[in-house]
Protein backbone atom coordinates (compact mmCIF):
# COMPACT_ATOMS: atom_id res chain seq x y z
CA VAL A 1 0.10 0.05 -0.01
CA ASN A 2 1.38 3.38 -0.93
CA ALA A 3 -0.65 5.25 1.63
CA LYS A 4 -1.06 6.04 5.32
CA TRP A 5 -4.18 6.39 7.45
CA ASP A 6 -5.06 8.14 10.70
CA LYS A 7 -6.84 6.30 13.52
CA ALA A 8 -10.29 7.38 12.04
CA GLY A 9 -9.49 5.54 8.79
CA ASN A 10 -8.81 8.69 6.78
CA VAL A 11 -5.97 8.70 4.25
CA THR A 12 -3.27 11.18 5.44
CA TRP A 13 -0.64 10.46 2.85
CA THR A 14 -0.34 8.81 -0.59
CA LEU A 15 2.36 8.76 -3.38
CA ASN A 16 -0.25 9.54 -6.00
CA LYS A 17 -0.76 13.15 -6.69
CA ASN A 18 -4.58 12.51 -7.36
CA GLY A 19 -5.04 11.02 -3.80
CA SER A 20 -5.74 7.58 -5.18
CA ILE A 21 -4.18 4.46 -3.39
CA ASP A 22 -2.30 1.58 -4.93
CA ARG A 23 -2.69 -1.91 -3.34
CA GLY A 24 -1.32 -5.48 -3.48
CA LEU A 25 1.67 -7.05 -5.34
CA LEU A 26 1.02 -5.38 -8.59
CA GLN A 27 -0.16 -2.15 -7.14
CA ILE A 28 -3.62 -2.00 -8.59
CA ASN A 29 -4.97 1.68 -8.27
CA SER A 30 -8.06 2.44 -6.40
CA SER A 31 -9.58 4.04 -9.48
CA TRP A 32 -10.36 0.48 -10.72
CA VAL A 33 -12.68 -0.17 -7.69
CA THR A 34 -15.60 -1.17 -9.96
CA VAL A 35 -13.41 -3.60 -11.93
CA VAL A 36 -12.04 -5.13 -8.74
CA SER A 37 -15.52 -5.55 -7.36
CA GLN A 38 -16.61 -7.39 -10.64
CA ILE A 39 -13.65 -9.63 -11.17
CA CYS A 40 -13.07 -10.56 -7.45
CA LYS A 41 -16.79 -10.60 -6.64
CA SER A 42 -16.36 -8.27 -3.71
CA PRO A 43 -18.48 -5.59 -2.23
CA ARG A 44 -17.94 -2.30 -4.13
CA GLY A 45 -15.33 -0.27 -2.45
CA ASP A 46 -13.54 -3.17 -0.76
CA MET A 47 -10.02 -2.77 -2.07
CA GLU A 48 -8.65 -4.96 0.72
CA VAL A 49 -9.28 -8.00 -1.52
CA LEU A 50 -6.29 -6.81 -3.70
CA PHE A 51 -4.05 -8.19 -0.78
CA ASP A 52 -5.29 -11.63 -2.12
CA LEU A 53 -2.75 -12.74 -4.70
CA ASP A 54 -5.37 -14.55 -6.93
CA CYS A 55 -7.50 -11.39 -7.05
CA ASN A 56 -4.58 -9.04 -7.58
CA LEU A 57 -3.34 -11.25 -10.56
CA ARG A 58 -6.80 -11.50 -12.11
CA VAL A 59 -7.23 -7.74 -12.00
CA ALA A 60 -3.84 -7.11 -13.43
CA ARG A 61 -4.50 -9.63 -16.28
CA TYR A 62 -7.77 -7.69 -17.02
CA LEU A 63 -5.92 -4.41 -17.14
CA LEU A 64 -3.15 -5.81 -19.40
CA GLY A 65 -5.69 -7.12 -21.74
CA ASP A 66 -8.10 -4.06 -21.89
CA GLY A 67 -6.28 -2.40 -24.76
CA SER A 68 -4.05 -0.05 -22.47
CA GLY A 69 -1.45 -2.59 -21.65
CA LEU A 70 1.26 -1.36 -19.34
CA THR A 71 0.03 2.29 -19.56
CA ASN A 72 -2.20 1.37 -16.58
CA TRP A 73 1.12 1.26 -14.65
CA GLY A 74 2.64 4.48 -16.23
CA PHE A 75 4.71 2.73 -18.85
């Protein structure tokens, strides 16, 4: 995770200038919350599922195959 939270659960710091958060092995961005929910069959907004390796890799595979390729990771 590239962010820190306060005791109330509010993000206090993130590497991303737009305030989004990256999670899991392949650092999936929180802007993909709908895709994560659909692929990992999780409640919308639950980005914790990206700490599950299988979920993280399935979302990454989707992102690589969506036509954008590695541009989703800034390449």
